[in-house]
Amino acid sequence: MRNYEYRKESIACYVFCSLFLLSFVGTILVSGEMSGNSIISSVPRFSWDMMIKWREIVEIFDLK
């Protein structure tokens, strides 16, 4: 029974922390959009060219 109570309390803590984090980040994003400073547009777009290849890792760290 004690394990069930601990699990229930842990899940409640994770849910609270997740909701707090989402509301914090959401507030930052919304206030940025409302002020005209789009935070989302400043994040670089993903490109597969950004991904480092194994050949490049071998060259950087001099692996043989």
PDB file of N, CA and C in Angstrom:
ATOM      1  N   MET A   1       0.818  -1.188   0.000  1.00  0.00           N
ATOM      2  CA  MET A   1       0.000   0.000   0.000  1.00  0.00           C
ATOM      3  C   MET A   1       0.865   1.256   0.000  1.00  0.00           C
ATOM      4  N   ARG A   2       1.989   1.186   0.659  1.00  0.00           N
ATOM      5  CA  ARG A   2       2.863   2.344   0.743  1.00  0.00           C
ATOM      6  C   ARG A   2       3.439   2.677  -0.637  1.00  0.00           C
ATOM      7  N   ASN A   3       3.757   1.633  -1.418  1.00  0.00           N
ATOM      8  CA  ASN A   3       4.296   1.835  -2.757  1.00  0.00           C
ATOM      9  C   ASN A   3       3.271   2.525  -3.650  1.00  0.00           C
ATOM     10  N   TYR A   4       2.004   2.178  -3.505  1.00  0.00           N
ATOM     11  CA  TYR A   4       0.938   2.809  -4.287  1.00  0.00           C
ATOM     12  C   TYR A   4       0.826   4.297  -3.954  1.00  0.00           C
ATOM     13  N   GLU A   5       0.925   4.642  -2.684  1.00  0.00           N
ATOM     14  CA  GLU A   5       0.837   6.043  -2.267  1.00  0.00           C
ATOM     15  C   GLU A   5       2.029   6.843  -2.793  1.00  0.00           C
ATOM     16  N   TYR A   6       3.201   6.224  -2.754  1.00  0.00           N
ATOM     17  CA  TYR A   6       4.403   6.888  -3.265  1.00  0.00           C
ATOM     18  C   TYR A   6       4.276   7.124  -4.768  1.00  0.00           C
ATOM     19  N   ARG A   7       3.778   6.129  -5.497  1.00  0.00           N
ATOM     20  CA  ARG A   7       3.618   6.257  -6.941  1.00  0.00           C
ATOM     21  C   ARG A   7       2.597   7.342  -7.269  1.00  0.00           C
ATOM     22  N   LYS A   8       1.514   7.382  -6.520  1.00  0.00           N
ATOM     23  CA  LYS A   8       0.485   8.391  -6.732  1.00  0.00           C
ATOM     24  C   LYS A   8       1.037   9.789  -6.478  1.00  0.00           C
ATOM     25  N   GLU A   9       1.816   9.938  -5.431  1.00  0.00           N
ATOM     26  CA  GLU A   9       2.424  11.232  -5.113  1.00  0.00           C
ATOM     27  C   GLU A   9       3.458  11.626  -6.167  1.00  0.00           C
ATOM     28  N   SER A  10       4.217  10.661  -6.664  1.00  0.00           N
ATOM     29  CA  SER A  10       5.216  10.942  -7.695  1.00  0.00           C
ATOM     30  C   SER A  10       4.553  11.395  -8.989  1.00  0.00           C
ATOM     31  N   ILE A  11       3.474  10.720  -9.388  1.00  0.00           N
ATOM     32  CA  ILE A  11       2.775  11.104 -10.606  1.00  0.00           C
ATOM     33  C   ILE A  11       2.199  12.504 -10.463  1.00  0.00           C
ATOM     34  N   ALA A  12       1.638  12.809  -9.312  1.00  0.00           N
ATOM     35  CA  ALA A  12       1.100  14.145  -9.074  1.00  0.00           C
ATOM     36  C   ALA A  12       2.199  15.199  -9.169  1.00  0.00           C
ATOM     37  N   CYS A  13       3.368  14.896  -8.654  1.00  0.00           N
ATOM     38  CA  CYS A  13       4.497  15.829  -8.711  1.00  0.00           C
ATOM     39  C   CYS A  13       4.948  16.044 -10.157  1.00  0.00           C
ATOM     40  N   TYR A  14       5.059  14.964 -10.936  1.00  0.00           N
ATOM     41  CA  TYR A  14       5.458  15.075 -12.343  1.00  0.00           C
ATOM     42  C   TYR A  14       4.437  15.877 -13.138  1.00  0.00           C
ATOM     43  N   VAL A  15       3.154  15.650 -12.882  1.00  0.00           N
ATOM     44  CA  VAL A  15       2.109  16.389 -13.586  1.00  0.00           C
ATOM     45  C   VAL A  15       2.185  17.869 -13.228  1.00  0.00           C
ATOM     46  N   PHE A  16       2.340  18.179 -11.955  1.00  0.00           N
ATOM     47  CA  PHE A  16       2.435  19.574 -11.540  1.00  0.00           C
ATOM     48  C   PHE A  16       3.655  20.252 -12.157  1.00  0.00           C
ATOM     49  N   CYS A  17       4.802  19.594 -12.109  1.00  0.00           N
ATOM     50  CA  CYS A  17       6.025  20.190 -12.666  1.00  0.00           C
ATOM     51  C   CYS A  17       5.901  20.391 -14.173  1.00  0.00           C
ATOM     52  N   SER A  18       5.302  19.429 -14.870  1.00  0.00           N
ATOM     53  CA  SER A  18       5.124  19.548 -16.316  1.00  0.00           C
ATOM     54  C   SER A  18       4.186  20.700 -16.658  1.00  0.00           C
ATOM     55  N   LEU A  19       3.071  20.811 -15.929  1.00  0.00           N
ATOM     56  CA  LEU A  19       2.140  21.908 -16.188  1.00  0.00           C
ATOM     57  C   LEU A  19       2.770  23.258 -15.877  1.00  0.00           C
ATOM     58  N   PHE A  20       3.549  23.329 -14.809  1.00  0.00           N
ATOM     59  CA  PHE A  20       4.226  24.573 -14.464  1.00  0.00           C
ATOM     60  C   PHE A  20       5.216  24.963 -15.551  1.00  0.00           C
ATOM     61  N   LEU A  21       5.992  24.003 -16.037  1.00  0.00           N
ATOM     62  CA  LEU A  21       6.971  24.280 -17.085  1.00  0.00           C
ATOM     63  C   LEU A  21       6.284  24.705 -18.373  1.00  0.00           C
ATOM     64  N   LEU A  22       5.208  24.020 -18.743  1.00  0.00           N
ATOM     65  CA  LEU A  22       4.485  24.383 -19.957  1.00  0.00           C
ATOM     66  C   LEU A  22       3.872  25.775 -19.849  1.00  0.00           C
ATOM     67  N   SER A  23       3.328  26.109 -18.697  1.00  0.00           N
ATOM     68  CA  SER A  23       2.750  27.448 -18.543  1.00  0.00           C
ATOM     69  C   SER A  23       3.836  28.522 -18.548  1.00  0.00           C
ATOM     70  N   PHE A  24       4.989  28.220 -17.985  1.00  0.00           N
ATOM     71  CA  PHE A  24       6.102  29.171 -17.975  1.00  0.00           C
ATOM     72  C   PHE A  24       6.596  29.441 -19.393  1.00  0.00           C
ATOM     73  N   VAL A  25       6.860  28.374 -20.137  1.00  0.00           N
ATOM     74  CA  VAL A  25       7.340  28.527 -21.517  1.00  0.00           C
ATOM     75  C   VAL A  25       6.250  29.146 -22.386  1.00  0.00           C
ATOM     76  N   GLY A  26       5.007  28.742 -22.167  1.00  0.00           N
ATOM     77  CA  GLY A  26       3.901  29.308 -22.935  1.00  0.00           C
ATOM     78  C   GLY A  26       3.751  30.790 -22.711  1.00  0.00           C
ATOM     79  N   THR A  27       3.929  31.226 -21.475  1.00  0.00           N
ATOM     80  CA  THR A  27       3.846  32.658 -21.177  1.00  0.00           C
ATOM     81  C   THR A  27       4.941  33.426 -21.895  1.00  0.00           C
ATOM     82  N   ILE A  28       6.120  32.876 -21.937  1.00  0.00           N
ATOM     83  CA  ILE A  28       7.232  33.531 -22.640  1.00  0.00           C
ATOM     84  C   ILE A  28       6.940  33.620 -24.130  1.00  0.00           C
ATOM     85  N   LEU A  29       6.438  32.530 -24.721  1.00  0.00           N
ATOM     86  CA  LEU A  29       6.146  32.534 -26.152  1.00  0.00           C
ATOM     87  C   LEU A  29       5.007  33.495 -26.492  1.00  0.00           C
ATOM     88  N   VAL A  30       3.961  33.485 -25.693  1.00  0.00           N
ATOM     89  CA  VAL A  30       2.824  34.374 -25.960  1.00  0.00           C
ATOM     90  C   VAL A  30       3.227  35.838 -25.796  1.00  0.00           C
ATOM     91  N   SER A  31       3.974  36.149 -24.759  1.00  0.00           N
ATOM     92  CA  SER A  31       4.384  37.544 -24.571  1.00  0.00           C
ATOM     93  C   SER A  31       5.333  37.992 -25.681  1.00  0.00           C
ATOM     94  N   GLY A  32       6.154  37.092 -26.177  1.00  0.00           N
ATOM     95  CA  GLY A  32       7.022  37.438 -27.307  1.00  0.00           C
ATOM     96  C   GLY A  32       6.230  37.719 -28.561  1.00  0.00           C
ATOM     97  N   GLU A  33       5.215  36.906 -28.822  1.00  0.00           N
ATOM     98  CA  GLU A  33       4.366  37.127 -29.995  1.00  0.00           C
ATOM     99  C   GLU A  33       3.570  38.421 -29.867  1.00  0.00           C
ATOM    100  N   MET A  34       3.070  38.708 -28.677  1.00  0.00           N
ATOM    101  CA  MET A  34       2.269  39.916 -28.471  1.00  0.00           C
ATOM    102  C   MET A  34       3.104  41.192 -28.590  1.00  0.00           C
ATOM    103  N   SER A  35       4.376  41.096 -28.240  1.00  0.00           N
ATOM    104  CA  SER A  35       5.231  42.282 -28.317  1.00  0.00           C
ATOM    105  C   SER A  35       5.867  42.457 -29.696  1.00  0.00           C
ATOM    106  N   GLY A  36       5.636  41.496 -30.589  1.00  0.00           N
ATOM    107  CA  GLY A  36       6.190  41.612 -31.939  1.00  0.00           C
ATOM    108  C   GLY A  36       7.543  40.966 -32.100  1.00  0.00           C
ATOM    109  N   ASN A  37       8.067  40.369 -31.062  1.00  0.00           N
ATOM    110  CA  ASN A  37       9.348  39.676 -31.132  1.00  0.00           C
ATOM    111  C   ASN A  37       9.090  38.180 -31.186  1.00  0.00           C
ATOM    112  N   SER A  38       8.961  37.663 -32.374  1.00  0.00           N
ATOM    113  CA  SER A  38       8.644  36.253 -32.525  1.00  0.00           C
ATOM    114  C   SER A  38       9.849  35.406 -32.122  1.00  0.00           C
ATOM    115  N   ILE A  39       9.709  34.714 -31.025  1.00  0.00           N
ATOM    116  CA  ILE A  39      10.796  33.877 -30.517  1.00  0.00           C
ATOM    117  C   ILE A  39      10.930  32.617 -31.357  1.00  0.00           C
ATOM    118  N   ILE A  40       9.812  32.107 -31.831  1.00  0.00           N
ATOM    119  CA  ILE A  40       9.821  30.858 -32.604  1.00  0.00           C
ATOM    120  C   ILE A  40      10.548  31.046 -33.935  1.00  0.00           C
ATOM    121  N   SER A  41      10.427  32.218 -34.540  1.00  0.00           N
ATOM    122  CA  SER A  41      11.079  32.433 -35.835  1.00  0.00           C
ATOM    123  C   SER A  41      12.597  32.578 -35.705  1.00  0.00           C
ATOM    124  N   SER A  42      13.091  32.820 -34.509  1.00  0.00           N
ATOM    125  CA  SER A  42      14.538  32.953 -34.336  1.00  0.00           C
ATOM    126  C   SER A  42      15.233  31.598 -34.184  1.00  0.00           C
ATOM    127  N   VAL A  43      14.460  30.534 -34.029  1.00  0.00           N
ATOM    128  CA  VAL A  43      15.027  29.188 -33.942  1.00  0.00           C
ATOM    129  C   VAL A  43      15.378  28.729 -35.353  1.00  0.00           C
ATOM    130  N   PRO A  44      16.593  28.258 -35.579  1.00  0.00           N
ATOM    131  CA  PRO A  44      16.962  27.850 -36.938  1.00  0.00           C
ATOM    132  C   PRO A  44      16.150  26.644 -37.400  1.00  0.00           C
ATOM    133  N   ARG A  45      15.864  26.592 -38.685  1.00  0.00           N
ATOM    134  CA  ARG A  45      15.130  25.485 -39.270  1.00  0.00           C
ATOM    135  C   ARG A  45      16.022  24.247 -39.316  1.00  0.00           C
ATOM    136  N   PHE A  46      15.404  23.090 -39.172  1.00  0.00           N
ATOM    137  CA  PHE A  46      16.165  21.838 -39.191  1.00  0.00           C
ATOM    138  C   PHE A  46      16.562  21.491 -40.609  1.00  0.00           C
ATOM    139  N   SER A  47      17.774  21.038 -40.757  1.00  0.00           N
ATOM    140  CA  SER A  47      18.265  20.562 -42.041  1.00  0.00           C
ATOM    141  C   SER A  47      19.108  19.325 -41.786  1.00  0.00           C
ATOM    142  N   TRP A  48      18.999  18.364 -42.668  1.00  0.00           N
ATOM    143  CA  TRP A  48      19.798  17.155 -42.506  1.00  0.00           C
ATOM    144  C   TRP A  48      21.277  17.449 -42.671  1.00  0.00           C
ATOM    145  N   ASP A  49      21.619  18.587 -43.269  1.00  0.00           N
ATOM    146  CA  ASP A  49      23.021  18.972 -43.404  1.00  0.00           C
ATOM    147  C   ASP A  49      23.642  19.315 -42.051  1.00  0.00           C
ATOM    148  N   MET A  50      22.795  19.619 -41.063  1.00  0.00           N
ATOM    149  CA  MET A  50      23.297  19.915 -39.718  1.00  0.00           C
ATOM    150  C   MET A  50      23.822  18.671 -39.024  1.00  0.00           C
ATOM    151  N   MET A  51      23.292  17.529 -39.408  1.00  0.00           N
ATOM    152  CA  MET A  51      23.657  16.282 -38.734  1.00  0.00           C
ATOM    153  C   MET A  51      25.103  15.926 -39.056  1.00  0.00           C
ATOM    154  N   ILE A  52      25.843  15.609 -38.032  1.00  0.00           N
ATOM    155  CA  ILE A  52      27.242  15.259 -38.207  1.00  0.00           C
ATOM    156  C   ILE A  52      27.331  13.783 -38.600  1.00  0.00           C
ATOM    157  N   LYS A  53      28.182  13.503 -39.522  1.00  0.00           N
ATOM    158  CA  LYS A  53      28.332  12.137 -40.024  1.00  0.00           C
ATOM    159  C   LYS A  53      29.475  11.445 -39.294  1.00  0.00           C
ATOM    160  N   TRP A  54      29.431  10.124 -39.288  1.00  0.00           N
ATOM    161  CA  TRP A  54      30.448   9.350 -38.577  1.00  0.00           C
ATOM    162  C   TRP A  54      31.832   9.655 -39.120  1.00  0.00           C
ATOM    163  N   ARG A  55      31.930   9.875 -40.433  1.00  0.00           N
ATOM    164  CA  ARG A  55      33.227  10.194 -41.033  1.00  0.00           C
ATOM    165  C   ARG A  55      33.803  11.467 -40.425  1.00  0.00           C
ATOM    166  N   GLU A  56      32.945  12.453 -40.198  1.00  0.00           N
ATOM    167  CA  GLU A  56      33.393  13.725 -39.626  1.00  0.00           C
ATOM    168  C   GLU A  56      33.791  13.557 -38.163  1.00  0.00           C
ATOM    169  N   ILE A  57      33.078  12.694 -37.436  1.00  0.00           N
ATOM    170  CA  ILE A  57      33.435  12.429 -36.037  1.00  0.00           C
ATOM    171  C   ILE A  57      34.815  11.785 -35.957  1.00  0.00           C
ATOM    172  N   VAL A  58      35.086  10.851 -36.863  1.00  0.00           N
ATOM    173  CA  VAL A  58      36.396  10.188 -36.895  1.00  0.00           C
ATOM    174  C   VAL A  58      37.494  11.208 -37.177  1.00  0.00           C
ATOM    175  N   GLU A  59      37.224  12.133 -38.069  1.00  0.00           N
ATOM    176  CA  GLU A  59      38.233  13.157 -38.385  1.00  0.00           C
ATOM    177  C   GLU A  59      38.436  14.117 -37.219  1.00  0.00           C
ATOM    178  N   ILE A  60      37.366  14.496 -36.537  1.00  0.00           N
ATOM    179  CA  ILE A  60      37.483  15.458 -35.443  1.00  0.00           C
ATOM    180  C   ILE A  60      38.259  14.872 -34.279  1.00  0.00           C
ATOM    181  N   PHE A  61      37.926  13.646 -33.876  1.00  0.00           N
ATOM    182  CA  PHE A  61      38.552  13.049 -32.701  1.00  0.00           C
ATOM    183  C   PHE A  61      39.719  12.143 -33.022  1.00  0.00           C
ATOM    184  N   ASP A  62      40.115  12.077 -34.295  1.00  0.00           N
ATOM    185  CA  ASP A  62      41.249  11.286 -34.754  1.00  0.00           C
ATOM    186  C   ASP A  62      41.098   9.823 -34.318  1.00  0.00           C
ATOM    187  N   LEU A  63      39.940   9.256 -34.584  1.00  0.00           N
ATOM    188  CA  LEU A  63      39.692   7.848 -34.291  1.00  0.00           C
ATOM    189  C   LEU A  63      40.190   6.989 -35.434  1.00  0.00           C
ATOM    190  N   LYS A  64      40.665   5.814 -35.111  1.00  0.00           N
ATOM    191  CA  LYS A  64      41.167   4.920 -36.155  1.00  0.00           C
ATOM    192  C   LYS A  64      40.588   3.556 -36.005  1.00  0.00           C
TER     193      LYS A  64
END
